């Protein structure tokens, strides 16, 4: 049973990540990993600030979308 859970945990996390991408919910963990790996000198935003900035970027307007 332990082998099943060892496989299911990572598979579940991948499925959640894909679902979030499909509906447009930003992935904070991916952002943090990217910042630490590629921009170690820059400060990592808090989850609240990251989420707010992603919402602003998505719904700012001017993208040519209707409604």
PDB file of N, CA and C in Angstrom:
ATOM      1  N   UNK A   1       0.821  -1.198   0.000  1.00  0.00           N
ATOM      2  CA  UNK A   1       0.000   0.000   0.000  1.00  0.00           C
ATOM      3  C   UNK A   1       0.859   1.254   0.000  1.00  0.00           C
ATOM      4  N   UNK A   2       2.043   1.189   0.632  1.00  0.00           N
ATOM      5  CA  UNK A   2       2.924   2.352   0.678  1.00  0.00           C
ATOM      6  C   UNK A   2       3.410   2.753  -0.702  1.00  0.00           C
ATOM      7  N   UNK A   3       3.637   1.772  -1.574  1.00  0.00           N
ATOM      8  CA  UNK A   3       4.088   2.066  -2.933  1.00  0.00           C
ATOM      9  C   UNK A   3       3.010   2.810  -3.716  1.00  0.00           C
ATOM     10  N   UNK A   4       1.764   2.455  -3.468  1.00  0.00           N
ATOM     11  CA  UNK A   4       0.655   3.139  -4.146  1.00  0.00           C
ATOM     12  C   UNK A   4       0.616   4.603  -3.733  1.00  0.00           C
ATOM     13  N   UNK A   5       0.739   4.866  -2.440  1.00  0.00           N
ATOM     14  CA  UNK A   5       0.715   6.252  -1.966  1.00  0.00           C
ATOM     15  C   UNK A   5       1.947   7.023  -2.416  1.00  0.00           C
ATOM     16  N   UNK A   6       3.086   6.340  -2.530  1.00  0.00           N
ATOM     17  CA  UNK A   6       4.298   7.004  -3.005  1.00  0.00           C
ATOM     18  C   UNK A   6       4.119   7.467  -4.454  1.00  0.00           C
ATOM     19  N   UNK A   7       3.354   6.731  -5.228  1.00  0.00           N
ATOM     20  CA  UNK A   7       3.090   7.116  -6.615  1.00  0.00           C
ATOM     21  C   UNK A   7       1.927   8.098  -6.695  1.00  0.00           C
ATOM     22  N   UNK A   8       0.901   7.879  -5.880  1.00  0.00           N
ATOM     23  CA  UNK A   8      -0.313   8.681  -5.955  1.00  0.00           C
ATOM     24  C   UNK A   8      -0.089  10.133  -5.526  1.00  0.00           C
ATOM     25  N   UNK A   9       0.759  10.366  -4.539  1.00  0.00           N
ATOM     26  CA  UNK A   9       1.002  11.727  -4.059  1.00  0.00           C
ATOM     27  C   UNK A   9       1.523  12.639  -5.154  1.00  0.00           C
ATOM     28  N   UNK A  10       2.637  12.295  -5.811  1.00  0.00           N
ATOM     29  CA  UNK A  10       3.133  13.140  -6.902  1.00  0.00           C
ATOM     30  C   UNK A  10       2.149  13.240  -8.072  1.00  0.00           C
ATOM     31  N   UNK A  11       1.454  12.154  -8.370  1.00  0.00           N
ATOM     32  CA  UNK A  11       0.477  12.181  -9.466  1.00  0.00           C
ATOM     33  C   UNK A  11      -0.663  13.147  -9.128  1.00  0.00           C
ATOM     34  N   UNK A  12      -1.092  13.126  -7.882  1.00  0.00           N
ATOM     35  CA  UNK A  12      -2.163  14.034  -7.454  1.00  0.00           C
ATOM     36  C   UNK A  12      -1.704  15.484  -7.560  1.00  0.00           C
ATOM     37  N   UNK A  13      -0.473  15.772  -7.130  1.00  0.00           N
ATOM     38  CA  UNK A  13       0.044  17.147  -7.215  1.00  0.00           C
ATOM     39  C   UNK A  13       0.128  17.612  -8.669  1.00  0.00           C
ATOM     40  N   UNK A  14       0.546  16.730  -9.560  1.00  0.00           N
ATOM     41  CA  UNK A  14       0.585  17.083 -10.985  1.00  0.00           C
ATOM     42  C   UNK A  14      -0.818  17.355 -11.518  1.00  0.00           C
ATOM     43  N   UNK A  15      -1.775  16.526 -11.128  1.00  0.00           N
ATOM     44  CA  UNK A  15      -3.156  16.705 -11.590  1.00  0.00           C
ATOM     45  C   UNK A  15      -3.727  18.034 -11.091  1.00  0.00           C
ATOM     46  N   UNK A  16      -3.435  18.385  -9.857  1.00  0.00           N
ATOM     47  CA  UNK A  16      -3.902  19.660  -9.307  1.00  0.00           C
ATOM     48  C   UNK A  16      -3.268  20.816 -10.060  1.00  0.00           C
ATOM     49  N   UNK A  17      -1.960  20.711 -10.341  1.00  0.00           N
ATOM     50  CA  UNK A  17      -1.267  21.771 -11.080  1.00  0.00           C
ATOM     51  C   UNK A  17      -1.877  21.955 -12.468  1.00  0.00           C
ATOM     52  N   UNK A  18      -2.152  20.853 -13.165  1.00  0.00           N
ATOM     53  CA  UNK A  18      -2.749  20.932 -14.496  1.00  0.00           C
ATOM     54  C   UNK A  18      -4.147  21.545 -14.416  1.00  0.00           C
ATOM     55  N   UNK A  19      -4.935  21.131 -13.445  1.00  0.00           N
ATOM     56  CA  UNK A  19      -6.284  21.679 -13.294  1.00  0.00           C
ATOM     57  C   UNK A  19      -6.230  23.177 -13.036  1.00  0.00           C
ATOM     58  N   UNK A  20      -5.308  23.614 -12.194  1.00  0.00           N
ATOM     59  CA  UNK A  20      -5.184  25.049 -11.919  1.00  0.00           C
ATOM     60  C   UNK A  20      -4.792  25.815 -13.174  1.00  0.00           C
ATOM     61  N   UNK A  21      -3.881  25.265 -13.959  1.00  0.00           N
ATOM     62  CA  UNK A  21      -3.486  25.928 -15.199  1.00  0.00           C
ATOM     63  C   UNK A  21      -4.653  26.014 -16.175  1.00  0.00           C
ATOM     64  N   UNK A  22      -5.477  24.979 -16.210  1.00  0.00           N
ATOM     65  CA  UNK A  22      -6.609  24.950 -17.135  1.00  0.00           C
ATOM     66  C   UNK A  22      -7.634  26.025 -16.809  1.00  0.00           C
ATOM     67  N   UNK A  23      -7.829  26.315 -15.530  1.00  0.00           N
ATOM     68  CA  UNK A  23      -8.830  27.316 -15.154  1.00  0.00           C
ATOM     69  C   UNK A  23      -8.208  28.671 -14.850  1.00  0.00           C
ATOM     70  N   UNK A  24      -6.897  28.768 -14.980  1.00  0.00           N
ATOM     71  CA  UNK A  24      -6.235  30.056 -14.841  1.00  0.00           C
ATOM     72  C   UNK A  24      -5.842  30.450 -13.438  1.00  0.00           C
ATOM     73  N   UNK A  25      -5.766  29.515 -12.525  1.00  0.00           N
ATOM     74  CA  UNK A  25      -5.333  29.814 -11.165  1.00  0.00           C
ATOM     75  C   UNK A  25      -3.808  29.719 -11.123  1.00  0.00           C
ATOM     76  N   UNK A  26      -3.137  30.768 -10.669  1.00  0.00           N
ATOM     77  CA  UNK A  26      -1.672  30.748 -10.651  1.00  0.00           C
ATOM     78  C   UNK A  26      -1.120  29.741  -9.650  1.00  0.00           C
ATOM     79  N   UNK A  27       0.053  29.210  -9.945  1.00  0.00           N
ATOM     80  CA  UNK A  27       0.698  28.215  -9.093  1.00  0.00           C
ATOM     81  C   UNK A  27       1.831  28.874  -8.319  1.00  0.00           C
ATOM     82  N   UNK A  28       1.589  29.175  -7.063  1.00  0.00           N
ATOM     83  CA  UNK A  28       2.550  29.887  -6.229  1.00  0.00           C
ATOM     84  C   UNK A  28       3.824  29.070  -6.014  1.00  0.00           C
ATOM     85  N   UNK A  29       3.699  27.782  -5.808  1.00  0.00           N
ATOM     86  CA  UNK A  29       4.886  26.942  -5.577  1.00  0.00           C
ATOM     87  C   UNK A  29       5.833  26.967  -6.774  1.00  0.00           C
ATOM     88  N   UNK A  30       5.276  26.950  -7.984  1.00  0.00           N
ATOM     89  CA  UNK A  30       6.105  27.022  -9.180  1.00  0.00           C
ATOM     90  C   UNK A  30       6.809  28.370  -9.251  1.00  0.00           C
ATOM     91  N   UNK A  31       6.089  29.434  -8.897  1.00  0.00           N
ATOM     92  CA  UNK A  31       6.675  30.774  -8.880  1.00  0.00           C
ATOM     93  C   UNK A  31       7.842  30.845  -7.896  1.00  0.00           C
ATOM     94  N   UNK A  32       7.638  30.337  -6.683  1.00  0.00           N
ATOM     95  CA  UNK A  32       8.690  30.373  -5.658  1.00  0.00           C
ATOM     96  C   UNK A  32       9.912  29.592  -6.124  1.00  0.00           C
ATOM     97  N   UNK A  33       9.695  28.417  -6.683  1.00  0.00           N
ATOM     98  CA  UNK A  33      10.806  27.606  -7.174  1.00  0.00           C
ATOM     99  C   UNK A  33      11.566  28.345  -8.279  1.00  0.00           C
ATOM    100  N   UNK A  34      10.827  28.970  -9.191  1.00  0.00           N
ATOM    101  CA  UNK A  34      11.459  29.723 -10.273  1.00  0.00           C
ATOM    102  C   UNK A  34      12.295  30.881  -9.724  1.00  0.00           C
ATOM    103  N   UNK A  35      11.725  31.622  -8.793  1.00  0.00           N
ATOM    104  CA  UNK A  35      12.435  32.777  -8.235  1.00  0.00           C
ATOM    105  C   UNK A  35      13.709  32.343  -7.518  1.00  0.00           C
ATOM    106  N   UNK A  36      13.634  31.292  -6.747  1.00  0.00           N
ATOM    107  CA  UNK A  36      14.818  30.825  -6.012  1.00  0.00           C
ATOM    108  C   UNK A  36      15.894  30.287  -6.939  1.00  0.00           C
ATOM    109  N   UNK A  37      15.478  29.664  -8.024  1.00  0.00           N
ATOM    110  CA  UNK A  37      16.430  29.075  -8.955  1.00  0.00           C
ATOM    111  C   UNK A  37      17.046  30.109  -9.902  1.00  0.00           C
ATOM    112  N   UNK A  38      16.213  31.012 -10.433  1.00  0.00           N
ATOM    113  CA  UNK A  38      16.671  31.918 -11.480  1.00  0.00           C
ATOM    114  C   UNK A  38      16.925  33.356 -11.011  1.00  0.00           C
ATOM    115  N   UNK A  39      16.358  33.733  -9.884  1.00  0.00           N
ATOM    116  CA  UNK A  39      16.504  35.108  -9.389  1.00  0.00           C
ATOM    117  C   UNK A  39      16.766  35.109  -7.880  1.00  0.00           C
ATOM    118  N   UNK A  40      17.833  34.465  -7.433  1.00  0.00           N
ATOM    119  CA  UNK A  40      18.068  34.347  -5.985  1.00  0.00           C
ATOM    120  C   UNK A  40      18.287  35.691  -5.289  1.00  0.00           C
ATOM    121  N   UNK A  41      18.641  36.719  -6.037  1.00  0.00           N
ATOM    122  CA  UNK A  41      18.885  38.034  -5.452  1.00  0.00           C
ATOM    123  C   UNK A  41      17.604  38.837  -5.261  1.00  0.00           C
ATOM    124  N   UNK A  42      16.487  38.390  -5.846  1.00  0.00           N
ATOM    125  CA  UNK A  42      15.226  39.126  -5.740  1.00  0.00           C
ATOM    126  C   UNK A  42      14.348  38.539  -4.639  1.00  0.00           C
ATOM    127  N   UNK A  43      13.535  39.389  -4.056  1.00  0.00           N
ATOM    128  CA  UNK A  43      12.631  38.966  -2.980  1.00  0.00           C
ATOM    129  C   UNK A  43      11.433  38.216  -3.564  1.00  0.00           C
ATOM    130  N   UNK A  44      11.044  37.140  -2.903  1.00  0.00           N
ATOM    131  CA  UNK A  44       9.874  36.362  -3.316  1.00  0.00           C
ATOM    132  C   UNK A  44       8.634  37.025  -2.736  1.00  0.00           C
ATOM    133  N   UNK A  45       7.627  37.259  -3.578  1.00  0.00           N
ATOM    134  CA  UNK A  45       6.384  37.882  -3.117  1.00  0.00           C
ATOM    135  C   UNK A  45       5.638  36.941  -2.167  1.00  0.00           C
ATOM    136  N   UNK A  46       4.875  37.527  -1.276  1.00  0.00           N
ATOM    137  CA  UNK A  46       4.004  36.723  -0.424  1.00  0.00           C
ATOM    138  C   UNK A  46       2.919  36.104  -1.306  1.00  0.00           C
ATOM    139  N   UNK A  47       2.252  35.079  -0.787  1.00  0.00           N
ATOM    140  CA  UNK A  47       1.193  34.434  -1.564  1.00  0.00           C
ATOM    141  C   UNK A  47       0.101  35.438  -1.911  1.00  0.00           C
ATOM    142  N   UNK A  48      -0.297  36.270  -0.938  1.00  0.00           N
ATOM    143  CA  UNK A  48      -1.372  37.240  -1.172  1.00  0.00           C
ATOM    144  C   UNK A  48      -0.989  38.227  -2.272  1.00  0.00           C
ATOM    145  N   UNK A  49       0.231  38.736  -2.233  1.00  0.00           N
ATOM    146  CA  UNK A  49       0.670  39.696  -3.256  1.00  0.00           C
ATOM    147  C   UNK A  49       0.767  39.014  -4.620  1.00  0.00           C
ATOM    148  N   UNK A  50       1.324  37.808  -4.658  1.00  0.00           N
ATOM    149  CA  UNK A  50       1.438  37.052  -5.906  1.00  0.00           C
ATOM    150  C   UNK A  50       0.060  36.830  -6.517  1.00  0.00           C
ATOM    151  N   UNK A  51      -0.881  36.378  -5.716  1.00  0.00           N
ATOM    152  CA  UNK A  51      -2.223  36.096  -6.212  1.00  0.00           C
ATOM    153  C   UNK A  51      -2.892  37.363  -6.724  1.00  0.00           C
ATOM    154  N   UNK A  52      -2.741  38.464  -5.981  1.00  0.00           N
ATOM    155  CA  UNK A  52      -3.320  39.736  -6.399  1.00  0.00           C
ATOM    156  C   UNK A  52      -2.718  40.206  -7.727  1.00  0.00           C
ATOM    157  N   UNK A  53      -1.415  40.109  -7.872  1.00  0.00           N
ATOM    158  CA  UNK A  53      -0.775  40.527  -9.118  1.00  0.00           C
ATOM    159  C   UNK A  53      -1.202  39.654 -10.289  1.00  0.00           C
ATOM    160  N   UNK A  54      -1.369  38.362 -10.071  1.00  0.00           N
ATOM    161  CA  UNK A  54      -1.829  37.482 -11.143  1.00  0.00           C
ATOM    162  C   UNK A  54      -3.248  37.837 -11.560  1.00  0.00           C
ATOM    163  N   UNK A  55      -4.110  38.134 -10.579  1.00  0.00           N
ATOM    164  CA  UNK A  55      -5.477  38.530 -10.921  1.00  0.00           C
ATOM    165  C   UNK A  55      -5.482  39.835 -11.699  1.00  0.00           C
ATOM    166  N   UNK A  56      -4.671  40.793 -11.273  1.00  0.00           N
ATOM    167  CA  UNK A  56      -4.587  42.071 -11.986  1.00  0.00           C
ATOM    168  C   UNK A  56      -4.104  41.859 -13.417  1.00  0.00           C
ATOM    169  N   UNK A  57      -3.102  41.011 -13.592  1.00  0.00           N
ATOM    170  CA  UNK A  57      -2.572  40.746 -14.927  1.00  0.00           C
ATOM    171  C   UNK A  57      -3.623  40.087 -15.812  1.00  0.00           C
ATOM    172  N   UNK A  58      -4.434  39.232 -15.221  1.00  0.00           N
ATOM    173  CA  UNK A  58      -5.431  38.516 -16.016  1.00  0.00           C
ATOM    174  C   UNK A  58      -6.617  39.380 -16.365  1.00  0.00           C
ATOM    175  N   UNK A  59      -7.075  40.223 -15.439  1.00  0.00           N
ATOM    176  CA  UNK A  59      -8.309  40.969 -15.640  1.00  0.00           C
ATOM    177  C   UNK A  59      -8.100  42.462 -15.818  1.00  0.00           C
ATOM    178  N   UNK A  60      -6.891  42.877 -16.082  1.00  0.00           N
ATOM    179  CA  UNK A  60      -6.574  44.297 -16.223  1.00  0.00           C
ATOM    180  C   UNK A  60      -7.358  44.949 -17.356  1.00  0.00           C
ATOM    181  N   UNK A  61      -7.632  44.211 -18.374  1.00  0.00           N
ATOM    182  CA  UNK A  61      -8.343  44.781 -19.516  1.00  0.00           C
ATOM    183  C   UNK A  61      -7.374  45.094 -20.639  1.00  0.00           C
ATOM    184  N   UNK A  62      -7.904  45.487 -21.746  1.00  0.00           N
ATOM    185  CA  UNK A  62      -7.082  45.825 -22.892  1.00  0.00           C
ATOM    186  C   UNK A  62      -6.619  44.607 -23.657  1.00  0.00           C
ATOM    187  N   UNK A  63      -7.089  43.444 -23.287  1.00  0.00           N
ATOM    188  CA  UNK A  63      -6.659  42.236 -23.952  1.00  0.00           C
ATOM    189  C   UNK A  63      -7.491  41.855 -25.150  1.00  0.00           C
ATOM    190  N   UNK A  64      -8.516  42.668 -25.453  1.00  0.00           N
ATOM    191  CA  UNK A  64      -9.337  42.371 -26.605  1.00  0.00           C
ATOM    192  C   UNK A  64     -10.416  41.340 -26.340  1.00  0.00           C
ATOM    193  N   UNK A  65     -10.634  40.994 -25.099  1.00  0.00           N
ATOM    194  CA  UNK A  65     -11.667  40.010 -24.788  1.00  0.00           C
ATOM    195  C   UNK A  65     -13.007  40.722 -24.581  1.00  0.00           C
ATOM    196  N   UNK A  66     -14.030  40.068 -24.955  1.00  0.00           N
ATOM    197  CA  UNK A  66     -15.369  40.595 -24.727  1.00  0.00           C
ATOM    198  C   UNK A  66     -15.846  40.179 -23.328  1.00  0.00           C
ATOM    199  N   UNK A  67     -16.527  41.053 -22.673  1.00  0.00           N
ATOM    200  CA  UNK A  67     -17.170  40.782 -21.381  1.00  0.00           C
ATOM    201  C   UNK A  67     -16.157  40.438 -20.320  1.00  0.00           C
TER     202      UNK A  67
END
